[in-house]
Amino acid sequence: MAVKIRLARHGAKKRPFYRVVVADSERPRDGGYIEAVGTYNPVFEPAKVSLKGERIKYWIAKGAKPTATVKNLLKKENL
């Protein structure tokens, strides 16, 4: 089972809101996930990001790979 840290889209049409989730790579984008480890709201200026740093570090240590977008968010939050 390959585990990824990625975004799951929520929110209304043209008002996106994303959860940063740990999920099996074969699951659908908005399907079931193992754990929610943060949120990302790009509607606000600047975008609001809330992450659980300890849990993200835990999952990366277990072998989870962040997607490119999540990797950029982690860099901006200094994780």
C-alpha atoms as a PDB file:
ATOM      1  CA  MET A   1       0.000   0.000   0.000  1.00  0.00           C
ATOM      2  CA  ALA A   2       1.591   3.256  -1.178  1.00  0.00           C
ATOM      3  CA  VAL A   3       0.604   6.150   1.071  1.00  0.00           C
ATOM      4  CA  LYS A   4       0.514   9.773  -0.089  1.00  0.00           C
ATOM      5  CA  ILE A   5      -0.056  13.092   1.635  1.00  0.00           C
ATOM      6  CA  ARG A   6      -2.330  15.012  -0.720  1.00  0.00           C
ATOM      7  CA  LEU A   7      -5.221  17.456  -1.010  1.00  0.00           C
ATOM      8  CA  ALA A   8      -8.897  16.445  -0.927  1.00  0.00           C
ATOM      9  CA  ARG A   9     -11.216  19.089  -2.380  1.00  0.00           C
ATOM     10  CA  HIS A  10     -14.268  20.280  -0.490  1.00  0.00           C
ATOM     11  CA  GLY A  11     -16.311  23.470  -0.606  1.00  0.00           C
ATOM     12  CA  ALA A  12     -18.783  24.901  -3.063  1.00  0.00           C
ATOM     13  CA  LYS A  13     -18.420  25.598  -6.754  1.00  0.00           C
ATOM     14  CA  LYS A  14     -15.734  28.275  -7.325  1.00  0.00           C
ATOM     15  CA  ARG A  15     -15.112  28.393  -3.539  1.00  0.00           C
ATOM     16  CA  PRO A  16     -12.532  25.625  -3.022  1.00  0.00           C
ATOM     17  CA  PHE A  17     -11.475  24.397   0.381  1.00  0.00           C
ATOM     18  CA  TYR A  18      -8.951  21.600   0.740  1.00  0.00           C
ATOM     19  CA  ARG A  19      -8.111  19.120   3.475  1.00  0.00           C
ATOM     20  CA  VAL A  20      -4.538  17.864   3.626  1.00  0.00           C
ATOM     21  CA  VAL A  21      -5.001  14.114   4.047  1.00  0.00           C
ATOM     22  CA  VAL A  22      -2.973  10.939   4.303  1.00  0.00           C
ATOM     23  CA  ALA A  23      -4.482   8.424   1.878  1.00  0.00           C
ATOM     24  CA  ASP A  24      -3.736   5.270  -0.047  1.00  0.00           C
ATOM     25  CA  SER A  25      -2.557   6.329  -3.515  1.00  0.00           C
ATOM     26  CA  GLU A  26      -5.152   4.110  -5.214  1.00  0.00           C
ATOM     27  CA  ARG A  27      -8.139   5.787  -3.531  1.00  0.00           C
ATOM     28  CA  PRO A  28     -10.092   8.536  -5.385  1.00  0.00           C
ATOM     29  CA  ARG A  29      -9.107  12.158  -4.722  1.00  0.00           C
ATOM     30  CA  ASP A  30     -12.140  12.871  -2.532  1.00  0.00           C
ATOM     31  CA  GLY A  31     -12.596   9.283  -1.362  1.00  0.00           C
ATOM     32  CA  GLY A  32     -11.746   7.745   1.966  1.00  0.00           C
ATOM     33  CA  TYR A  33      -8.534   8.649   3.688  1.00  0.00           C
ATOM     34  CA  ILE A  34      -6.496   7.438   6.654  1.00  0.00           C
ATOM     35  CA  GLU A  35      -6.120  10.727   8.533  1.00  0.00           C
ATOM     36  CA  ALA A  36      -6.714  14.454   8.008  1.00  0.00           C
ATOM     37  CA  VAL A  37      -3.534  16.357   8.909  1.00  0.00           C
ATOM     38  CA  GLY A  38      -4.461  19.926   7.980  1.00  0.00           C
ATOM     39  CA  THR A  39      -6.443  22.363   5.881  1.00  0.00           C
ATOM     40  CA  TYR A  40      -5.707  24.773   3.021  1.00  0.00           C
ATOM     41  CA  ASN A  41      -8.066  27.604   2.025  1.00  0.00           C
ATOM     42  CA  PRO A  42      -6.852  29.461  -1.101  1.00  0.00           C
ATOM     43  CA  VAL A  43      -9.897  31.786  -1.221  1.00  0.00           C
ATOM     44  CA  PHE A  44      -8.423  34.165   1.366  1.00  0.00           C
ATOM     45  CA  GLU A  45      -5.567  36.537   0.558  1.00  0.00           C
ATOM     46  CA  PRO A  46      -3.065  35.361   1.727  1.00  0.00           C
ATOM     47  CA  ALA A  47      -4.195  31.736   1.672  1.00  0.00           C
ATOM     48  CA  LYS A  48      -4.896  30.189   5.069  1.00  0.00           C
ATOM     49  CA  VAL A  49      -2.916  27.050   5.863  1.00  0.00           C
ATOM     50  CA  SER A  50      -3.268  24.986   9.018  1.00  0.00           C
ATOM     51  CA  LEU A  51      -1.104  21.873   9.414  1.00  0.00           C
ATOM     52  CA  LYS A  52      -0.457  19.314  12.166  1.00  0.00           C
ATOM     53  CA  GLY A  53       3.329  19.272  11.934  1.00  0.00           C
ATOM     54  CA  GLU A  54       3.949  16.343  14.268  1.00  0.00           C
ATOM     55  CA  ARG A  55       1.528  14.064  12.428  1.00  0.00           C
ATOM     56  CA  ILE A  56       2.951  15.022   9.023  1.00  0.00           C
ATOM     57  CA  LYS A  57       6.476  14.248  10.232  1.00  0.00           C
ATOM     58  CA  TYR A  58       5.205  10.931  11.627  1.00  0.00           C
ATOM     59  CA  TRP A  59       3.685   9.901   8.296  1.00  0.00           C
ATOM     60  CA  ILE A  60       6.733  10.980   6.285  1.00  0.00           C
ATOM     61  CA  ALA A  61       8.887   8.870   8.625  1.00  0.00           C
ATOM     62  CA  LYS A  62       6.543   5.923   7.926  1.00  0.00           C
ATOM     63  CA  GLY A  63       7.132   6.366   4.164  1.00  0.00           C
ATOM     64  CA  ALA A  64       4.285   8.614   2.995  1.00  0.00           C
ATOM     65  CA  LYS A  65       5.175  10.744  -0.029  1.00  0.00           C
ATOM     66  CA  PRO A  66       3.747  14.291  -0.261  1.00  0.00           C
ATOM     67  CA  THR A  67       2.451  15.448  -3.638  1.00  0.00           C
ATOM     68  CA  ALA A  68       4.079  18.456  -5.319  1.00  0.00           C
ATOM     69  CA  THR A  69       1.412  20.887  -4.065  1.00  0.00           C
ATOM     70  CA  VAL A  70       1.606  19.600  -0.495  1.00  0.00           C
ATOM     71  CA  LYS A  71       5.409  19.734  -0.644  1.00  0.00           C
ATOM     72  CA  ASN A  72       5.161  23.448  -1.560  1.00  0.00           C
ATOM     73  CA  LEU A  73       2.777  24.065   1.358  1.00  0.00           C
ATOM     74  CA  LEU A  74       5.174  22.295   3.723  1.00  0.00           C
ATOM     75  CA  LYS A  75       8.051  24.477   2.527  1.00  0.00           C
ATOM     76  CA  LYS A  76       6.027  27.654   3.078  1.00  0.00           C
ATOM     77  CA  GLU A  77       5.151  26.507   6.611  1.00  0.00           C
ATOM     78  CA  ASN A  78       8.782  25.478   7.308  1.00  0.00           C
ATOM     79  CA  LEU A  79       8.018  21.802   7.951  1.00  0.00           C
END
